[in-house]
């Protein structure tokens, strides 16, 4: 399945979520082999499937990513929800939507 546009991807090993990420183009991001991003690369190597969730906008993808990281607690997502970077990103999402 080829989904272009923003969304969230979840690398999985069976039912276990390994890494949750968001992107502006689902057709490109999950397949990108980004060795400079160690946690994503580890998840790619360990995963046997990728779930794609299309979103209406980039900001909705960010919001869903935050929600899923909190809910699923994937082992390769290194940052903790509501850290300083998340607060800044949430502020940017709010500014972009108002």
PDB file of N, CA and C in Angstrom:
ATOM      1  N   UNK A   1       0.839  -1.178   0.000  1.00  0.00           N
ATOM      2  CA  UNK A   1       0.000   0.000   0.000  1.00  0.00           C
ATOM      3  C   UNK A   1       0.887   1.245   0.000  1.00  0.00           C
ATOM      4  N   UNK A   2       0.575   2.202  -0.827  1.00  0.00           N
ATOM      5  CA  UNK A   2       1.372   3.419  -0.925  1.00  0.00           C
ATOM      6  C   UNK A   2       0.518   4.607  -0.498  1.00  0.00           C
ATOM      7  N   UNK A   3       0.782   5.132   0.684  1.00  0.00           N
ATOM      8  CA  UNK A   3       0.049   6.292   1.202  1.00  0.00           C
ATOM      9  C   UNK A   3       0.951   7.512   1.071  1.00  0.00           C
ATOM     10  N   UNK A   4       0.580   8.440   0.212  1.00  0.00           N
ATOM     11  CA  UNK A   4       1.335   9.688   0.199  1.00  0.00           C
ATOM     12  C   UNK A   4       0.618  10.668   1.118  1.00  0.00           C
ATOM     13  N   UNK A   5       1.353  11.604   1.656  1.00  0.00           N
ATOM     14  CA  UNK A   5       0.789  12.569   2.588  1.00  0.00           C
ATOM     15  C   UNK A   5       1.218  12.264   4.009  1.00  0.00           C
ATOM     16  N   UNK A   6       0.850  13.131   4.948  1.00  0.00           N
ATOM     17  CA  UNK A   6       1.302  13.002   6.331  1.00  0.00           C
ATOM     18  C   UNK A   6       0.700  11.798   7.047  1.00  0.00           C
ATOM     19  N   UNK A   7       1.403  11.362   8.073  1.00  0.00           N
ATOM     20  CA  UNK A   7       0.876  10.264   8.865  1.00  0.00           C
ATOM     21  C   UNK A   7       1.858   9.777   9.905  1.00  0.00           C
ATOM     22  N   UNK A   8       1.474   8.677  10.530  1.00  0.00           N
ATOM     23  CA  UNK A   8       2.255   8.049  11.593  1.00  0.00           C
ATOM     24  C   UNK A   8       2.595   6.633  11.147  1.00  0.00           C
ATOM     25  N   UNK A   9       3.803   6.200  11.492  1.00  0.00           N
ATOM     26  CA  UNK A   9       4.199   4.814  11.206  1.00  0.00           C
ATOM     27  C   UNK A   9       4.648   4.157  12.502  1.00  0.00           C
ATOM     28  N   UNK A  10       4.382   2.866  12.593  1.00  0.00           N
ATOM     29  CA  UNK A  10       4.755   2.099  13.775  1.00  0.00           C
ATOM     30  C   UNK A  10       5.517   0.862  13.308  1.00  0.00           C
ATOM     31  N   UNK A  11       6.806   0.786  13.642  1.00  0.00           N
ATOM     32  CA  UNK A  11       7.574  -0.425  13.389  1.00  0.00           C
ATOM     33  C   UNK A  11       7.197  -1.425  14.464  1.00  0.00           C
ATOM     34  N   UNK A  12       6.907  -2.674  14.053  1.00  0.00           N
ATOM     35  CA  UNK A  12       6.465  -3.701  14.997  1.00  0.00           C
ATOM     36  C   UNK A  12       7.253  -4.993  14.801  1.00  0.00           C
ATOM     37  N   UNK A  13       7.336  -5.748  15.875  1.00  0.00           N
ATOM     38  CA  UNK A  13       7.809  -7.120  15.824  1.00  0.00           C
ATOM     39  C   UNK A  13       6.655  -7.950  16.355  1.00  0.00           C
ATOM     40  N   UNK A  14       5.896  -8.564  15.465  1.00  0.00           N
ATOM     41  CA  UNK A  14       4.639  -9.195  15.860  1.00  0.00           C
ATOM     42  C   UNK A  14       3.710  -8.099  16.342  1.00  0.00           C
ATOM     43  N   UNK A  15       3.063  -8.293  17.485  1.00  0.00           N
ATOM     44  CA  UNK A  15       2.168  -7.247  17.994  1.00  0.00           C
ATOM     45  C   UNK A  15       2.901  -6.149  18.774  1.00  0.00           C
ATOM     46  N   UNK A  16       4.204  -6.375  19.089  1.00  0.00           N
ATOM     47  CA  UNK A  16       4.942  -5.427  19.925  1.00  0.00           C
ATOM     48  C   UNK A  16       5.374  -4.192  19.135  1.00  0.00           C
ATOM     49  N   UNK A  17       4.933  -2.996  19.565  1.00  0.00           N
ATOM     50  CA  UNK A  17       5.396  -1.763  18.909  1.00  0.00           C
ATOM     51  C   UNK A  17       6.842  -1.478  19.316  1.00  0.00           C
ATOM     52  N   UNK A  18       7.690  -1.238  18.316  1.00  0.00           N
ATOM     53  CA  UNK A  18       9.097  -0.961  18.585  1.00  0.00           C
ATOM     54  C   UNK A  18       9.423   0.520  18.498  1.00  0.00           C
ATOM     55  N   UNK A  19       8.798   1.209  17.545  1.00  0.00           N
ATOM     56  CA  UNK A  19       9.113   2.620  17.317  1.00  0.00           C
ATOM     57  C   UNK A  19       7.915   3.293  16.662  1.00  0.00           C
ATOM     58  N   UNK A  20       7.553   4.471  17.145  1.00  0.00           N
ATOM     59  CA  UNK A  20       6.477   5.275  16.567  1.00  0.00           C
ATOM     60  C   UNK A  20       7.093   6.562  16.043  1.00  0.00           C
ATOM     61  N   UNK A  21       6.775   6.905  14.811  1.00  0.00           N
ATOM     62  CA  UNK A  21       7.271   8.141  14.226  1.00  0.00           C
ATOM     63  C   UNK A  21       6.209   8.788  13.360  1.00  0.00           C
ATOM     64  N   UNK A  22       6.415  10.053  13.042  1.00  0.00           N
ATOM     65  CA  UNK A  22       5.497  10.749  12.141  1.00  0.00           C
ATOM     66  C   UNK A  22       6.304  11.320  10.983  1.00  0.00           C
ATOM     67  N   UNK A  23       5.604  11.604   9.895  1.00  0.00           N
ATOM     68  CA  UNK A  23       6.269  12.078   8.691  1.00  0.00           C
ATOM     69  C   UNK A  23       5.311  12.915   7.853  1.00  0.00           C
ATOM     70  N   UNK A  24       5.888  13.730   6.982  1.00  0.00           N
ATOM     71  CA  UNK A  24       5.041  14.509   6.073  1.00  0.00           C
ATOM     72  C   UNK A  24       4.656  13.695   4.847  1.00  0.00           C
ATOM     73  N   UNK A  25       5.328  12.552   4.616  1.00  0.00           N
ATOM     74  CA  UNK A  25       5.016  11.714   3.459  1.00  0.00           C
ATOM     75  C   UNK A  25       5.210  10.245   3.800  1.00  0.00           C
ATOM     76  N   UNK A  26       4.106   9.559   4.081  1.00  0.00           N
ATOM     77  CA  UNK A  26       4.161   8.149   4.459  1.00  0.00           C
ATOM     78  C   UNK A  26       4.757   7.262   3.371  1.00  0.00           C
ATOM     79  N   UNK A  27       4.670   7.689   2.127  1.00  0.00           N
ATOM     80  CA  UNK A  27       5.189   6.849   1.047  1.00  0.00           C
ATOM     81  C   UNK A  27       6.710   6.770   1.058  1.00  0.00           C
ATOM     82  N   UNK A  28       7.376   7.701   1.755  1.00  0.00           N
ATOM     83  CA  UNK A  28       8.834   7.730   1.762  1.00  0.00           C
ATOM     84  C   UNK A  28       9.454   7.398   3.117  1.00  0.00           C
ATOM     85  N   UNK A  29       8.916   7.894   4.194  1.00  0.00           N
ATOM     86  CA  UNK A  29       9.602   7.848   5.483  1.00  0.00           C
ATOM     87  C   UNK A  29       9.872   6.456   6.042  1.00  0.00           C
ATOM     88  N   UNK A  30       8.884   5.577   6.181  1.00  0.00           N
ATOM     89  CA  UNK A  30       9.183   4.308   6.855  1.00  0.00           C
ATOM     90  C   UNK A  30      10.248   3.481   6.140  1.00  0.00           C
ATOM     91  N   UNK A  31      10.342   3.601   4.834  1.00  0.00           N
ATOM     92  CA  UNK A  31      11.307   2.806   4.078  1.00  0.00           C
ATOM     93  C   UNK A  31      12.702   3.408   4.109  1.00  0.00           C
ATOM     94  N   UNK A  32      12.804   4.664   4.504  1.00  0.00           N
ATOM     95  CA  UNK A  32      14.104   5.328   4.517  1.00  0.00           C
ATOM     96  C   UNK A  32      15.017   4.664   5.539  1.00  0.00           C
ATOM     97  N   UNK A  33      16.168   4.265   5.104  1.00  0.00           N
ATOM     98  CA  UNK A  33      17.128   3.604   5.986  1.00  0.00           C
ATOM     99  C   UNK A  33      18.057   4.661   6.562  1.00  0.00           C
ATOM    100  N   UNK A  34      17.678   5.197   7.695  1.00  0.00           N
ATOM    101  CA  UNK A  34      18.375   6.323   8.299  1.00  0.00           C
ATOM    102  C   UNK A  34      19.305   5.830   9.396  1.00  0.00           C
ATOM    103  N   UNK A  35      20.524   5.475   9.037  1.00  0.00           N
ATOM    104  CA  UNK A  35      21.470   4.924  10.018  1.00  0.00           C
ATOM    105  C   UNK A  35      21.934   5.974  11.021  1.00  0.00           C
ATOM    106  N   UNK A  36      21.758   7.257  10.723  1.00  0.00           N
ATOM    107  CA  UNK A  36      22.171   8.289  11.668  1.00  0.00           C
ATOM    108  C   UNK A  36      21.197   8.398  12.845  1.00  0.00           C
ATOM    109  N   UNK A  37      20.026   7.844  12.724  1.00  0.00           N
ATOM    110  CA  UNK A  37      19.026   7.851  13.792  1.00  0.00           C
ATOM    111  C   UNK A  37      19.034   6.449  14.404  1.00  0.00           C
ATOM    112  N   UNK A  38      19.857   6.260  15.411  1.00  0.00           N
ATOM    113  CA  UNK A  38      20.144   4.927  15.941  1.00  0.00           C
ATOM    114  C   UNK A  38      18.902   4.167  16.407  1.00  0.00           C
ATOM    115  N   UNK A  39      17.987   4.830  17.106  1.00  0.00           N
ATOM    116  CA  UNK A  39      16.829   4.103  17.628  1.00  0.00           C
ATOM    117  C   UNK A  39      15.909   3.653  16.504  1.00  0.00           C
ATOM    118  N   UNK A  40      15.716   4.503  15.494  1.00  0.00           N
ATOM    119  CA  UNK A  40      14.873   4.111  14.358  1.00  0.00           C
ATOM    120  C   UNK A  40      15.547   2.978  13.588  1.00  0.00           C
ATOM    121  N   UNK A  41      16.860   3.073  13.396  1.00  0.00           N
ATOM    122  CA  UNK A  41      17.588   2.023  12.676  1.00  0.00           C
ATOM    123  C   UNK A  41      17.480   0.697  13.415  1.00  0.00           C
ATOM    124  N   UNK A  42      17.612   0.707  14.739  1.00  0.00           N
ATOM    125  CA  UNK A  42      17.471  -0.517  15.531  1.00  0.00           C
ATOM    126  C   UNK A  42      16.071  -1.106  15.367  1.00  0.00           C
ATOM    127  N   UNK A  43      15.060  -0.247  15.377  1.00  0.00           N
ATOM    128  CA  UNK A  43      13.678  -0.712  15.206  1.00  0.00           C
ATOM    129  C   UNK A  43      13.469  -1.304  13.821  1.00  0.00           C
ATOM    130  N   UNK A  44      14.061  -0.680  12.802  1.00  0.00           N
ATOM    131  CA  UNK A  44      13.939  -1.210  11.438  1.00  0.00           C
ATOM    132  C   UNK A  44      14.525  -2.619  11.375  1.00  0.00           C
ATOM    133  N   UNK A  45      15.689  -2.798  11.965  1.00  0.00           N
ATOM    134  CA  UNK A  45      16.358  -4.097  11.907  1.00  0.00           C
ATOM    135  C   UNK A  45      15.588  -5.178  12.670  1.00  0.00           C
ATOM    136  N   UNK A  46      14.911  -4.803  13.737  1.00  0.00           N
ATOM    137  CA  UNK A  46      14.218  -5.768  14.583  1.00  0.00           C
ATOM    138  C   UNK A  46      12.765  -5.994  14.158  1.00  0.00           C
ATOM    139  N   UNK A  47      12.222  -5.118  13.333  1.00  0.00           N
ATOM    140  CA  UNK A  47      10.794  -5.202  12.997  1.00  0.00           C
ATOM    141  C   UNK A  47      10.519  -6.220  11.894  1.00  0.00           C
ATOM    142  N   UNK A  48       9.278  -6.717  11.900  1.00  0.00           N
ATOM    143  CA  UNK A  48       8.840  -7.578  10.816  1.00  0.00           C
ATOM    144  C   UNK A  48       7.595  -7.027  10.127  1.00  0.00           C
ATOM    145  N   UNK A  49       7.149  -5.842  10.577  1.00  0.00           N
ATOM    146  CA  UNK A  49       6.031  -5.171   9.913  1.00  0.00           C
ATOM    147  C   UNK A  49       6.027  -3.684  10.253  1.00  0.00           C
ATOM    148  N   UNK A  50       5.335  -2.921   9.435  1.00  0.00           N
ATOM    149  CA  UNK A  50       5.166  -1.488   9.666  1.00  0.00           C
ATOM    150  C   UNK A  50       3.686  -1.163   9.480  1.00  0.00           C
ATOM    151  N   UNK A  51       3.116  -0.516  10.481  1.00  0.00           N
ATOM    152  CA  UNK A  51       1.730  -0.058  10.388  1.00  0.00           C
ATOM    153  C   UNK A  51       1.749   1.405   9.976  1.00  0.00           C
ATOM    154  N   UNK A  52       0.969   1.768   8.956  1.00  0.00           N
ATOM    155  CA  UNK A  52       0.884   3.148   8.480  1.00  0.00           C
ATOM    156  C   UNK A  52      -0.488   3.708   8.814  1.00  0.00           C
ATOM    157  N   UNK A  53      -0.512   4.905   9.388  1.00  0.00           N
ATOM    158  CA  UNK A  53      -1.765   5.560   9.755  1.00  0.00           C
ATOM    159  C   UNK A  53      -1.795   6.932   9.092  1.00  0.00           C
ATOM    160  N   UNK A  54      -2.531   7.079   7.976  1.00  0.00           N
ATOM    161  CA  UNK A  54      -2.627   8.386   7.311  1.00  0.00           C
ATOM    162  C   UNK A  54      -3.332   9.408   8.206  1.00  0.00           C
ATOM    163  N   UNK A  55      -2.912  10.668   8.105  1.00  0.00           N
ATOM    164  CA  UNK A  55      -3.517  11.770   8.856  1.00  0.00           C
ATOM    165  C   UNK A  55      -3.859  12.904   7.891  1.00  0.00           C
ATOM    166  N   UNK A  56      -4.758  13.769   8.308  1.00  0.00           N
ATOM    167  CA  UNK A  56      -5.191  14.888   7.472  1.00  0.00           C
ATOM    168  C   UNK A  56      -4.133  15.974   7.325  1.00  0.00           C
ATOM    169  N   UNK A  57      -3.256  16.098   8.307  1.00  0.00           N
ATOM    170  CA  UNK A  57      -2.242  17.153   8.269  1.00  0.00           C
ATOM    171  C   UNK A  57      -1.010  16.714   9.048  1.00  0.00           C
ATOM    172  N   UNK A  58       0.082  17.437   8.845  1.00  0.00           N
ATOM    173  CA  UNK A  58       1.325  17.157   9.567  1.00  0.00           C
ATOM    174  C   UNK A  58       1.132  17.362  11.069  1.00  0.00           C
ATOM    175  N   UNK A  59       0.384  18.398  11.444  1.00  0.00           N
ATOM    176  CA  UNK A  59       0.167  18.650  12.872  1.00  0.00           C
ATOM    177  C   UNK A  59      -0.674  17.544  13.514  1.00  0.00           C
ATOM    178  N   UNK A  60      -1.644  16.994  12.802  1.00  0.00           N
ATOM    179  CA  UNK A  60      -2.426  15.881  13.347  1.00  0.00           C
ATOM    180  C   UNK A  60      -1.551  14.636  13.486  1.00  0.00           C
ATOM    181  N   UNK A  61      -0.598  14.464  12.557  1.00  0.00           N
ATOM    182  CA  UNK A  61       0.343  13.341  12.663  1.00  0.00           C
ATOM    183  C   UNK A  61       1.212  13.499  13.911  1.00  0.00           C
ATOM    184  N   UNK A  62       1.706  14.713  14.175  1.00  0.00           N
ATOM    185  CA  UNK A  62       2.484  14.978  15.391  1.00  0.00           C
ATOM    186  C   UNK A  62       1.668  14.632  16.634  1.00  0.00           C
ATOM    187  N   UNK A  63       0.433  15.082  16.660  1.00  0.00           N
ATOM    188  CA  UNK A  63      -0.424  14.844  17.821  1.00  0.00           C
ATOM    189  C   UNK A  63      -0.653  13.358  18.047  1.00  0.00           C
ATOM    190  N   UNK A  64      -0.936  12.630  16.955  1.00  0.00           N
ATOM    191  CA  UNK A  64      -1.159  11.194  17.080  1.00  0.00           C
ATOM    192  C   UNK A  64       0.118  10.482  17.511  1.00  0.00           C
ATOM    193  N   UNK A  65       1.259  10.899  16.973  1.00  0.00           N
ATOM    194  CA  UNK A  65       2.531  10.310  17.384  1.00  0.00           C
ATOM    195  C   UNK A  65       2.727  10.463  18.890  1.00  0.00           C
ATOM    196  N   UNK A  66       2.510  11.665  19.416  1.00  0.00           N
ATOM    197  CA  UNK A  66       2.658  11.921  20.854  1.00  0.00           C
ATOM    198  C   UNK A  66       1.746  11.003  21.664  1.00  0.00           C
ATOM    199  N   UNK A  67       0.506  10.883  21.227  1.00  0.00           N
ATOM    200  CA  UNK A  67      -0.475  10.054  21.922  1.00  0.00           C
ATOM    201  C   UNK A  67      -0.034   8.588  21.911  1.00  0.00           C
ATOM    202  N   UNK A  68       0.412   8.090  20.766  1.00  0.00           N
ATOM    203  CA  UNK A  68       0.806   6.690  20.655  1.00  0.00           C
ATOM    204  C   UNK A  68       2.080   6.381  21.431  1.00  0.00           C
ATOM    205  N   UNK A  69       3.033   7.314  21.472  1.00  0.00           N
ATOM    206  CA  UNK A  69       4.250   7.097  22.259  1.00  0.00           C
ATOM    207  C   UNK A  69       3.886   6.954  23.732  1.00  0.00           C
ATOM    208  N   UNK A  70       2.995   7.814  24.213  1.00  0.00           N
ATOM    209  CA  UNK A  70       2.556   7.727  25.614  1.00  0.00           C
ATOM    210  C   UNK A  70       1.822   6.408  25.892  1.00  0.00           C
ATOM    211  N   UNK A  71       0.936   6.050  24.968  1.00  0.00           N
ATOM    212  CA  UNK A  71       0.081   4.876  25.158  1.00  0.00           C
ATOM    213  C   UNK A  71       0.848   3.565  24.993  1.00  0.00           C
ATOM    214  N   UNK A  72       1.644   3.446  23.924  1.00  0.00           N
ATOM    215  CA  UNK A  72       2.289   2.180  23.586  1.00  0.00           C
ATOM    216  C   UNK A  72       3.658   1.984  24.239  1.00  0.00           C
ATOM    217  N   UNK A  73       4.321   3.082  24.586  1.00  0.00           N
ATOM    218  CA  UNK A  73       5.662   3.041  25.193  1.00  0.00           C
ATOM    219  C   UNK A  73       6.631   2.144  24.408  1.00  0.00           C
ATOM    220  N   UNK A  74       6.810   2.424  23.102  1.00  0.00           N
ATOM    221  CA  UNK A  74       7.709   1.593  22.293  1.00  0.00           C
ATOM    222  C   UNK A  74       9.149   1.694  22.784  1.00  0.00           C
ATOM    223  N   UNK A  75       9.847   0.568  22.776  1.00  0.00           N
ATOM    224  CA  UNK A  75      11.170   0.526  23.402  1.00  0.00           C
ATOM    225  C   UNK A  75      12.236   1.336  22.677  1.00  0.00           C
ATOM    226  N   UNK A  76      12.057   1.652  21.399  1.00  0.00           N
ATOM    227  CA  UNK A  76      13.073   2.409  20.683  1.00  0.00           C
ATOM    228  C   UNK A  76      12.777   3.909  20.586  1.00  0.00           C
ATOM    229  N   UNK A  77      11.658   4.370  21.120  1.00  0.00           N
ATOM    230  CA  UNK A  77      11.419   5.805  21.209  1.00  0.00           C
ATOM    231  C   UNK A  77      12.190   6.309  22.421  1.00  0.00           C
ATOM    232  N   UNK A  78      13.251   7.055  22.177  1.00  0.00           N
ATOM    233  CA  UNK A  78      14.156   7.444  23.252  1.00  0.00           C
ATOM    234  C   UNK A  78      13.668   8.620  24.065  1.00  0.00           C
ATOM    235  N   UNK A  79      12.983   9.555  23.426  1.00  0.00           N
ATOM    236  CA  UNK A  79      12.543  10.732  24.170  1.00  0.00           C
ATOM    237  C   UNK A  79      11.301  10.398  24.973  1.00  0.00           C
ATOM    238  N   UNK A  80      11.162  11.067  26.075  1.00  0.00           N
ATOM    239  CA  UNK A  80      10.007  10.874  26.927  1.00  0.00           C
ATOM    240  C   UNK A  80       8.949  11.910  26.582  1.00  0.00           C
ATOM    241  N   UNK A  81       7.685  11.521  26.496  1.00  0.00           N
ATOM    242  CA  UNK A  81       6.633  12.505  26.246  1.00  0.00           C
ATOM    243  C   UNK A  81       6.657  13.612  27.300  1.00  0.00           C
ATOM    244  N   UNK A  82       6.332  14.801  26.868  1.00  0.00           N
ATOM    245  CA  UNK A  82       6.270  15.991  27.696  1.00  0.00           C
ATOM    246  C   UNK A  82       7.632  16.472  28.171  1.00  0.00           C
ATOM    247  N   UNK A  83       8.697  16.065  27.482  1.00  0.00           N
ATOM    248  CA  UNK A  83      10.014  16.627  27.736  1.00  0.00           C
ATOM    249  C   UNK A  83      10.079  18.015  27.111  1.00  0.00           C
ATOM    250  N   UNK A  84      11.179  18.732  27.283  1.00  0.00           N
ATOM    251  CA  UNK A  84      11.300  20.091  26.769  1.00  0.00           C
ATOM    252  C   UNK A  84      11.067  20.142  25.259  1.00  0.00           C
ATOM    253  N   UNK A  85      11.634  19.181  24.513  1.00  0.00           N
ATOM    254  CA  UNK A  85      11.429  19.169  23.056  1.00  0.00           C
ATOM    255  C   UNK A  85       9.957  18.990  22.724  1.00  0.00           C
ATOM    256  N   UNK A  86       9.238  18.166  23.501  1.00  0.00           N
ATOM    257  CA  UNK A  86       7.822  17.943  23.260  1.00  0.00           C
ATOM    258  C   UNK A  86       7.013  19.201  23.561  1.00  0.00           C
ATOM    259  N   UNK A  87       7.387  19.923  24.603  1.00  0.00           N
ATOM    260  CA  UNK A  87       6.684  21.158  24.937  1.00  0.00           C
ATOM    261  C   UNK A  87       6.853  22.170  23.809  1.00  0.00           C
ATOM    262  N   UNK A  88       8.066  22.291  23.287  1.00  0.00           N
ATOM    263  CA  UNK A  88       8.304  23.205  22.174  1.00  0.00           C
ATOM    264  C   UNK A  88       7.552  22.759  20.931  1.00  0.00           C
ATOM    265  N   UNK A  89       7.546  21.459  20.657  1.00  0.00           N
ATOM    266  CA  UNK A  89       6.845  20.943  19.483  1.00  0.00           C
ATOM    267  C   UNK A  89       5.339  21.139  19.633  1.00  0.00           C
ATOM    268  N   UNK A  90       4.798  20.911  20.820  1.00  0.00           N
ATOM    269  CA  UNK A  90       3.372  21.133  21.056  1.00  0.00           C
ATOM    270  C   UNK A  90       3.018  22.602  20.857  1.00  0.00           C
ATOM    271  N   UNK A  91       3.855  23.494  21.342  1.00  0.00           N
ATOM    272  CA  UNK A  91       3.613  24.926  21.139  1.00  0.00           C
ATOM    273  C   UNK A  91       3.601  25.255  19.659  1.00  0.00           C
ATOM    274  N   UNK A  92       4.509  24.672  18.892  1.00  0.00           N
ATOM    275  CA  UNK A  92       4.544  24.912  17.440  1.00  0.00           C
ATOM    276  C   UNK A  92       3.276  24.375  16.779  1.00  0.00           C
ATOM    277  N   UNK A  93       2.810  23.200  17.192  1.00  0.00           N
ATOM    278  CA  UNK A  93       1.581  22.629  16.635  1.00  0.00           C
ATOM    279  C   UNK A  93       0.393  23.558  16.917  1.00  0.00           C
ATOM    280  N   UNK A  94       0.324  24.061  18.129  1.00  0.00           N
ATOM    281  CA  UNK A  94      -0.777  24.974  18.496  1.00  0.00           C
ATOM    282  C   UNK A  94      -0.704  26.240  17.642  1.00  0.00           C
ATOM    283  N   UNK A  95       0.498  26.822  17.508  1.00  0.00           N
ATOM    284  CA  UNK A  95       0.643  28.029  16.690  1.00  0.00           C
ATOM    285  C   UNK A  95       0.224  27.786  15.237  1.00  0.00           C
ATOM    286  N   UNK A  96       0.615  26.637  14.689  1.00  0.00           N
ATOM    287  CA  UNK A  96       0.301  26.337  13.288  1.00  0.00           C
ATOM    288  C   UNK A  96      -1.188  26.112  13.061  1.00  0.00           C
ATOM    289  N   UNK A  97      -1.907  25.667  14.090  1.00  0.00           N
ATOM    290  CA  UNK A  97      -3.326  25.364  13.927  1.00  0.00           C
ATOM    291  C   UNK A  97      -4.254  26.518  14.279  1.00  0.00           C
ATOM    292  N   UNK A  98      -3.711  27.592  14.833  1.00  0.00           N
ATOM    293  CA  UNK A  98      -4.577  28.710  15.210  1.00  0.00           C
ATOM    294  C   UNK A  98      -4.386  29.809  14.284  1.00  0.00           C
TER     295      UNK A  98
END
